[in-house]
Amino acid sequence: MRESTSGRRTHEEQRRLTLLAIESSGLMLHEVWLRYFEYTGVAGQTELEAHLQGLVPLPAEQADILSHAVNELIDELPPVPRAPYSDEGILPADP
């Protein structure tokens, strides 16, 4: 999907990438909806699911609130373990 001529993402691209972020991070729809609702989101969980599946559009402001909620939840996830290099120090073994 291409960006619009104004340099802003299209609604469809934002929807698709938001769904990808949710799925890639292993977030559950219910926790996403709760955070969205905490941030003044007005759509119900079923409507949010329909939006993410491309069935019901959300107004741009609500889509941005959803993106913010998803990003905040992702920021709270523990970091993914990284692969060490051979010259890095050795960590103690787990007990």
Foldseek 3Di string as FASTA:
>chain_A
DDADPVRHRDQVVLLQVLLVLCVVLVHDLVQLQVLLVVLVQDDDSVQNVCCSVVNDGDPPVSSVSSSVSSVVVSVPDDDDDDDDDPPDDDDDDDD
